[in-house]
Amino acid sequence: MFGLSKRIGIDLGTANSLVYLGGQGIVLNEPTVVAVTTDDNRVLAVGKEAKEMLGRTPGNIYASRPMREGVIADYVITEAMIRFFLDKVCGSSRLFKPEVMICAPAGVTSVEKRAILDATLSAGAKTAFLIDEPLAAAIGAKIPIANPSGNMIVDIGGGTTEAAVICLGGVVVHSSVRVGGNKIDEAIQAWVRKKHNLIIGERMAEDVKINIGSATHLKPSEMEKIEVRGRDAFSGLPRTIEISSDEVTEAISDVVKKIEGAVKGVLEQVPPELASDIIDKGIVLSGGTSLLRNLDKHLTDSVGVPVALAENPLLCVVLGTGIALENLDLYKRSVSKR
C-alpha cells in the first residue's frame, strides 16, 4: 500500500518537536525554535542550535517559536521547520515523497487544521494526515482506545493542556485550555520580577521549573533552593538571588488551577457510564509538563480520582502518532487526510 515512500509521524509541539520514522522509531527530538535572518527571511538554524540563540541574537537574526499554544503562529517558519525535519530524516533529494502524520490539539478550528495540513504538504509530503493529540497520546500510553469502556487522558504540553475521554476509538468529551509549560515559565518570570525586582530570561525560568518546581508545597525537609541570575529592574545591573521551591509553588499556583479546571471540565460532561469506568481506571497524564513534581498528587486530591503518569510522558504523543500511521486501517476513522 505504501510502496517505497517513508512514513513519518511528527509531534509538532509548542516547546519540542519529535519525529517518528516508520520501522525505526523516534529519530529526532528538537526544541521547536527557528532562527531566521531579518533581512531576507532565510532560516539559519532549527532546534537545539536555534534554542541556544534565544534571547542572545544580534539585530539581524531573529529566534522565534513558530508554534504558540499548540497551533501555528507563523505559517512560513513552521513550513520551513517541517521541511527541515523531512530533509533530515529523508535526505534533501527525495525520490519518493514521504507520507506524514502530524498531531494537533483536539480543540483547534478547521482553519487551524487546514493550516497544519497545508504546511505539511508544501514542505514536501505526498499525503498529510492529522490526528487529535489526546488520541495519539492515549495510543502511545498503551491505553486500549478501541474498547467500549471509557479512558481519560490529560496531555499537558508546552502550550496546551488537553483533557479527553476516549471510548471506541474516538474522543467522546474533551476540553482544551491554552495553558502549559510556557505559562508556568512566564508565571515564574512575573513572580521574580514582582517580588525581587529581577528580570530573568525564558531559559532561566525553565531551569527553575525543572529543578525546584512543585505543584504542592513541599515538607521542610524536602525544600530546595536555586540561584537565579538576571538583571535588576531598577539599576539595570546583573544580580543573583536565591529562591526556594515554596516560592515557585506559589508563583505557579494560578496556572496549576487552570490545568485542574480543564480536568474538572471534562469530568463534569462525561456520561455516567463512562464516569464509572474513569473512577475504576483513573486518569493518565502525558506530555512534558506532567513531569512537574507532585502534579499527579495535586490533581488526585483536587479531583478525587486517582491520577498516574504514563510510562514515557514526553514520548506518548509521537509514539502514538507513529503507531497510528503504521496501522492506518485500524485508526482511519480517527484521522483526517489531505
Protein backbone atom coordinates (compact mmCIF):
# COMPACT_ATOMS: atom_id res chain seq x y z
CA MET A 1 0.00 0.00 0.00
CA PHE A 2 2.75 2.43 0.92
CA GLY A 3 5.25 1.48 -1.75
CA LEU A 4 8.65 2.97 -1.34
CA SER A 5 7.71 6.20 0.39
CA LYS A 6 8.69 6.61 4.01
CA ARG A 7 6.11 7.08 6.74
CA ILE A 8 6.85 9.86 9.20
CA GLY A 9 4.95 10.89 12.33
CA ILE A 10 5.58 14.39 13.72
CA ASP A 11 4.57 15.70 17.11
CA LEU A 12 4.72 19.42 16.43
CA GLY A 13 4.77 20.73 19.97
CA THR A 14 4.92 24.27 21.28
CA ALA A 15 8.16 23.55 23.17
CA ASN A 16 9.63 20.44 21.49
CA SER A 17 9.05 18.64 18.21
CA LEU A 18 9.63 14.90 17.86
CA VAL A 19 9.82 12.87 14.68
CA TYR A 20 8.96 9.17 14.31
CA LEU A 21 10.14 7.18 11.28
CA GLY A 22 8.10 4.10 10.36
CA GLY A 23 10.04 0.92 11.10
CA GLN A 24 12.71 2.75 13.12
CA GLY A 25 11.01 4.64 15.95
CA ILE A 26 11.87 8.14 17.21
CA VAL A 27 14.67 9.62 15.13
CA LEU A 28 14.56 13.30 16.12
CA ASN A 29 13.79 15.32 19.24
CA GLU A 30 14.43 19.05 18.88
CA PRO A 31 13.14 22.24 20.55
CA THR A 32 10.52 24.00 18.39
CA VAL A 33 12.65 27.07 17.78
CA VAL A 34 13.73 28.56 14.45
CA ALA A 35 16.37 31.25 13.89
CA VAL A 36 15.72 33.46 10.86
CA THR A 37 17.59 36.39 9.31
CA THR A 38 15.51 39.57 9.44
CA ASP A 39 16.58 40.98 6.05
CA ASP A 40 15.82 38.03 3.72
CA ASN A 41 13.86 35.63 5.98
CA ARG A 42 16.39 32.84 5.50
CA VAL A 43 16.27 30.00 8.05
CA LEU A 44 19.65 29.81 9.77
CA ALA A 45 19.08 27.16 12.41
CA VAL A 46 16.34 24.89 13.73
CA GLY A 47 16.00 23.07 17.02
CA LYS A 48 18.75 22.90 19.65
CA GLU A 49 21.05 25.20 17.72
CA ALA A 50 18.32 27.86 17.40
CA LYS A 51 17.30 27.49 21.05
CA GLU A 52 20.84 28.38 22.09
CA MET A 53 20.25 31.69 20.29
CA LEU A 54 17.03 32.60 22.16
CA GLY A 55 17.46 35.99 23.81
CA ARG A 56 21.05 36.24 22.54
CA THR A 57 20.73 37.18 18.89
CA PRO A 58 22.23 40.25 17.18
CA GLY A 59 19.86 42.65 15.42
CA ASN A 60 19.86 40.88 12.04
CA ILE A 61 18.90 37.43 13.41
CA TYR A 62 15.56 36.60 14.99
CA ALA A 63 15.00 33.40 17.03
CA SER A 64 11.31 32.56 17.40
CA ARG A 65 8.91 29.81 18.42
CA PRO A 66 6.63 29.30 15.38
CA MET A 67 4.05 27.35 17.40
CA ARG A 68 2.03 29.14 20.06
CA GLU A 69 -0.40 27.39 22.36
CA GLY A 70 -0.37 24.26 20.20
CA VAL A 71 -1.20 25.97 16.88
CA ILE A 72 0.75 27.59 14.06
CA ALA A 73 1.57 31.20 14.86
CA ASP A 74 3.92 31.71 11.94
CA TYR A 75 2.97 29.71 8.84
CA VAL A 76 6.10 30.36 6.72
CA ILE A 77 8.54 29.49 9.50
CA THR A 78 6.54 26.38 10.50
CA GLU A 79 6.65 25.15 6.91
CA ALA A 80 10.43 25.73 6.83
CA MET A 81 10.75 23.79 10.09
CA ILE A 82 8.71 20.81 8.81
CA ARG A 83 10.82 20.84 5.62
CA PHE A 84 13.98 20.81 7.78
CA PHE A 85 12.68 17.74 9.68
CA LEU A 86 11.75 15.91 6.46
CA ASP A 87 15.14 16.72 4.87
CA LYS A 88 16.95 15.49 7.97
CA VAL A 89 15.04 12.20 8.05
CA CYS A 90 14.66 11.50 4.29
CA GLY A 91 17.59 13.42 2.81
CA SER A 92 17.04 16.56 0.76
CA SER A 93 17.00 14.87 -2.66
CA ARG A 94 13.82 12.85 -2.21
CA LEU A 95 12.93 10.41 -4.96
CA PHE A 96 9.69 9.43 -3.22
CA LYS A 97 7.74 11.90 -1.11
CA PRO A 98 7.01 10.69 2.43
CA GLU A 99 3.58 10.14 3.98
CA VAL A 100 3.41 12.36 7.04
CA MET A 101 1.09 12.33 10.04
CA ILE A 102 1.01 15.33 12.34
CA CYS A 103 -0.94 15.70 15.55
CA ALA A 104 -2.93 18.77 16.58
CA PRO A 105 -4.78 19.73 19.78
CA ALA A 106 -8.37 18.41 19.77
CA GLY A 107 -9.70 21.94 20.24
CA VAL A 108 -8.24 23.53 17.10
CA THR A 109 -10.54 25.04 14.48
CA SER A 110 -10.91 23.62 10.97
CA VAL A 111 -8.93 26.61 9.65
CA GLU A 112 -6.03 25.82 12.01
CA LYS A 113 -6.21 22.14 10.99
CA ARG A 114 -6.05 23.10 7.32
CA ALA A 115 -3.05 25.36 8.01
CA ILE A 116 -1.16 22.42 9.55
CA LEU A 117 -2.03 20.07 6.66
CA ASP A 118 -1.15 22.68 4.03
CA ALA A 119 2.17 23.49 5.68
CA THR A 120 3.00 19.75 5.70
CA LEU A 121 2.15 19.31 2.01
CA SER A 122 4.11 22.42 0.95
CA ALA A 123 7.08 21.15 2.97
CA GLY A 124 7.24 18.11 0.69
CA ALA A 125 4.84 15.44 1.95
CA LYS A 126 2.97 13.20 -0.51
CA THR A 127 -0.04 12.85 1.78
CA ALA A 128 -0.69 14.62 5.06
CA PHE A 129 -2.72 13.09 7.87
CA LEU A 130 -3.86 14.77 11.07
CA ILE A 131 -4.65 13.03 14.36
CA ASP A 132 -6.03 14.53 17.58
CA GLU A 133 -3.33 14.95 20.20
CA PRO A 134 -5.23 13.26 23.09
CA LEU A 135 -5.92 10.27 20.85
CA ALA A 136 -2.26 9.99 19.82
CA ALA A 137 -1.20 10.35 23.47
CA ALA A 138 -3.61 7.57 24.51
CA ILE A 139 -2.31 5.23 21.78
CA GLY A 140 1.28 5.99 22.84
CA ALA A 141 0.43 5.45 26.52
CA LYS A 142 -0.78 1.93 25.57
CA ILE A 143 -4.38 2.67 26.52
CA PRO A 144 -6.75 0.25 24.70
CA ILE A 145 -8.73 3.01 22.97
CA ALA A 146 -10.84 0.71 20.78
CA ASN A 147 -12.57 -0.92 23.78
CA PRO A 148 -16.14 0.05 24.67
CA SER A 149 -15.04 1.40 28.06
CA GLY A 150 -14.03 4.97 28.87
CA ASN A 151 -10.41 6.05 29.36
CA MET A 152 -9.33 9.54 30.33
CA ILE A 153 -6.04 11.11 29.31
CA VAL A 154 -4.68 14.55 30.13
CA ASP A 155 -1.87 15.70 27.84
CA ILE A 156 -0.03 18.71 29.28
CA GLY A 157 2.45 20.16 26.82
CA GLY A 158 4.30 23.44 26.44
CA GLY A 159 1.35 25.41 25.07
CA THR A 160 -1.85 23.50 25.77
CA THR A 161 -3.49 21.17 28.26
CA GLU A 162 -5.79 18.68 26.57
CA ALA A 163 -8.11 16.58 28.71
CA ALA A 164 -10.16 13.97 26.86
CA VAL A 165 -12.28 10.91 27.46
CA ILE A 166 -11.78 8.30 24.77
CA CYS A 167 -14.07 5.38 24.01
CA LEU A 168 -14.46 3.12 20.97
CA GLY A 169 -11.51 4.74 19.20
CA GLY A 170 -12.80 8.31 19.33
CA VAL A 171 -12.85 11.36 21.58
CA VAL A 172 -16.19 11.49 23.46
CA VAL A 173 -15.63 14.63 25.54
CA HIS A 174 -12.67 16.97 25.51
CA SER A 175 -11.57 20.24 26.99
CA SER A 176 -8.57 22.23 25.91
CA VAL A 177 -7.05 25.17 27.75
CA ARG A 178 -4.18 27.09 26.21
CA VAL A 179 -2.09 26.69 29.32
CA GLY A 180 1.04 24.58 29.70
CA GLY A 181 4.73 24.63 30.50
CA ASN A 182 5.33 28.01 28.81
CA LYS A 183 2.69 29.68 31.00
CA ILE A 184 4.44 28.20 34.07
CA ASP A 185 7.75 29.73 32.89
CA GLU A 186 6.02 33.10 32.38
CA ALA A 187 4.45 32.91 35.85
CA ILE A 188 7.90 32.31 37.38
CA GLN A 189 9.34 35.27 35.42
CA ALA A 190 6.50 37.56 36.55
CA TRP A 191 6.80 36.45 40.19
CA VAL A 192 10.58 37.00 40.36
CA ARG A 193 10.15 40.45 38.83
CA LYS A 194 7.33 41.41 41.20
CA LYS A 195 8.87 40.06 44.43
CA HIS A 196 12.57 40.56 43.80
CA ASN A 197 12.67 43.28 41.10
CA LEU A 198 14.73 40.94 38.97
CA ILE A 199 14.18 40.40 35.25
CA ILE A 200 15.04 36.84 34.23
CA GLY A 201 15.01 35.14 30.83
CA GLU A 202 12.87 32.32 29.49
CA ARG A 203 15.63 29.72 29.85
CA MET A 204 16.39 30.70 33.46
CA ALA A 205 12.68 30.38 34.36
CA GLU A 206 12.59 26.93 32.69
CA ASP A 207 15.62 25.82 34.74
CA VAL A 208 13.87 26.93 37.94
CA LYS A 209 10.71 25.00 36.97
CA ILE A 210 12.60 21.80 36.14
CA ASN A 211 14.94 21.85 39.14
CA ILE A 212 12.79 23.00 42.05
CA GLY A 213 9.23 23.46 40.72
CA SER A 214 6.42 21.65 42.56
CA ALA A 215 2.63 21.77 42.24
CA THR A 216 2.23 21.40 46.02
CA HIS A 217 4.15 22.84 48.97
CA LEU A 218 6.98 20.53 49.99
CA LYS A 219 7.82 19.40 53.53
CA PRO A 220 10.56 21.48 55.19
CA SER A 221 12.95 18.53 54.85
CA GLU A 222 12.40 18.38 51.05
CA MET A 223 12.66 22.15 50.49
CA GLU A 224 15.15 23.15 47.79
CA LYS A 225 16.70 26.46 46.73
CA ILE A 226 18.24 27.61 43.49
CA GLU A 227 20.36 30.56 42.40
CA VAL A 228 18.64 32.81 39.87
CA ARG A 229 20.61 35.24 37.72
CA GLY A 230 19.10 38.18 35.91
CA ARG A 231 19.03 41.93 35.51
CA ASP A 232 17.94 44.28 38.30
CA ALA A 233 14.72 46.07 37.24
CA PHE A 234 15.84 49.36 38.85
CA SER A 235 19.60 49.63 38.39
CA GLY A 236 19.73 47.59 35.18
CA LEU A 237 22.81 45.74 36.51
CA PRO A 238 23.25 41.94 36.69
CA ARG A 239 22.25 40.43 40.03
CA THR A 240 21.92 36.96 41.58
CA ILE A 241 19.31 35.92 44.14
CA GLU A 242 18.21 32.65 45.72
CA ILE A 243 14.62 31.43 45.58
CA SER A 244 13.00 28.43 47.26
CA SER A 245 10.67 25.75 45.91
CA ASP A 246 7.90 27.19 48.11
CA GLU A 247 8.09 30.49 46.24
CA VAL A 248 7.88 28.66 42.92
CA THR A 249 4.80 26.70 44.10
CA GLU A 250 3.13 29.99 44.99
CA ALA A 251 4.17 31.60 41.67
CA ILE A 252 2.67 28.84 39.54
CA SER A 253 -0.47 28.14 41.60
CA ASP A 254 -2.80 30.01 39.18
CA VAL A 255 -1.52 28.05 36.18
CA VAL A 256 -1.92 24.75 38.06
CA LYS A 257 -5.54 25.78 38.90
CA LYS A 258 -6.27 26.27 35.19
CA ILE A 259 -4.92 22.79 34.40
CA GLU A 260 -7.11 21.43 37.20
CA GLY A 261 -10.07 23.34 35.67
CA ALA A 262 -9.63 21.57 32.31
CA VAL A 263 -9.67 18.17 34.04
CA LYS A 264 -12.77 19.03 36.07
CA GLY A 265 -14.46 20.50 32.96
CA VAL A 266 -14.22 17.15 31.17
CA LEU A 267 -15.32 15.11 34.20
CA GLU A 268 -18.43 17.30 34.53
CA GLN A 269 -19.50 16.48 30.95
CA VAL A 270 -18.80 12.74 30.98
CA PRO A 271 -21.81 10.40 30.57
CA PRO A 272 -22.44 8.47 33.83
CA GLU A 273 -21.49 5.07 32.32
CA LEU A 274 -18.07 6.35 31.30
CA ALA A 275 -17.62 8.20 34.61
CA SER A 276 -17.69 4.90 36.49
CA ASP A 277 -15.00 3.49 34.12
CA ILE A 278 -12.79 6.52 34.84
CA ILE A 279 -13.18 6.12 38.62
CA ASP A 280 -12.10 2.46 38.23
CA LYS A 281 -9.13 3.08 35.94
CA GLY A 282 -8.06 6.57 36.98
CA ILE A 283 -6.68 9.33 34.78
CA VAL A 284 -3.44 9.06 32.78
CA LEU A 285 -1.13 12.09 32.47
CA SER A 286 1.16 12.59 29.48
CA GLY A 287 3.19 15.47 28.00
CA GLY A 288 6.37 17.12 29.28
CA THR A 289 4.68 19.42 31.80
CA SER A 290 3.06 16.42 33.54
CA LEU A 291 6.58 15.77 34.92
CA LEU A 292 6.19 18.81 37.22
CA ARG A 293 6.80 17.48 40.72
CA ASN A 294 3.64 16.43 42.64
CA LEU A 295 1.26 17.47 39.85
CA ASP A 296 -0.27 13.97 39.83
CA LYS A 297 -0.77 14.09 43.64
CA HIS A 298 -2.28 17.57 43.45
CA LEU A 299 -4.77 16.51 40.75
CA THR A 300 -5.66 13.30 42.63
CA ASP A 301 -6.51 15.35 45.74
CA SER A 302 -8.47 18.06 43.93
CA VAL A 303 -10.42 15.83 41.52
CA GLY A 304 -10.95 12.81 43.77
CA VAL A 305 -9.95 10.34 41.04
CA PRO A 306 -6.56 8.55 41.02
CA VAL A 307 -4.14 10.23 38.60
CA ALA A 308 -1.00 8.47 37.35
CA LEU A 309 1.82 9.36 34.95
CA ALA A 310 2.09 7.48 31.65
CA GLU A 311 5.22 5.38 31.11
CA ASN A 312 7.05 7.86 28.82
CA PRO A 313 5.10 11.11 29.24
CA LEU A 314 7.34 13.08 26.85
CA LEU A 315 7.12 10.49 24.08
CA CYS A 316 3.47 9.35 24.26
CA VAL A 317 2.16 11.65 21.53
CA VAL A 318 4.88 10.94 18.96
CA LEU A 319 4.79 7.17 19.65
CA GLY A 320 1.01 7.21 19.26
CA THR A 321 1.28 9.19 16.01
CA GLY A 322 3.78 6.64 14.68
CA ILE A 323 1.66 3.65 15.70
CA ALA A 324 -1.46 5.19 14.11
CA LEU A 325 0.46 5.83 10.88
CA GLU A 326 1.79 2.27 10.74
CA ASN A 327 -1.72 0.88 11.38
CA LEU A 328 -3.79 3.30 9.32
CA ASP A 329 -6.56 0.77 8.64
CA LEU A 330 -7.23 0.44 12.37
CA TYR A 331 -7.27 4.18 13.04
CA LYS A 332 -8.58 5.63 9.78
CA ARG A 333 -11.83 6.78 11.44
CA SER A 334 -9.83 8.89 13.88
CA VAL A 335 -7.63 10.60 11.28
CA SER A 336 -8.25 13.42 8.79
CA LYS A 337 -6.36 13.48 5.49
CA ARG A 338 -5.33 15.90 2.72
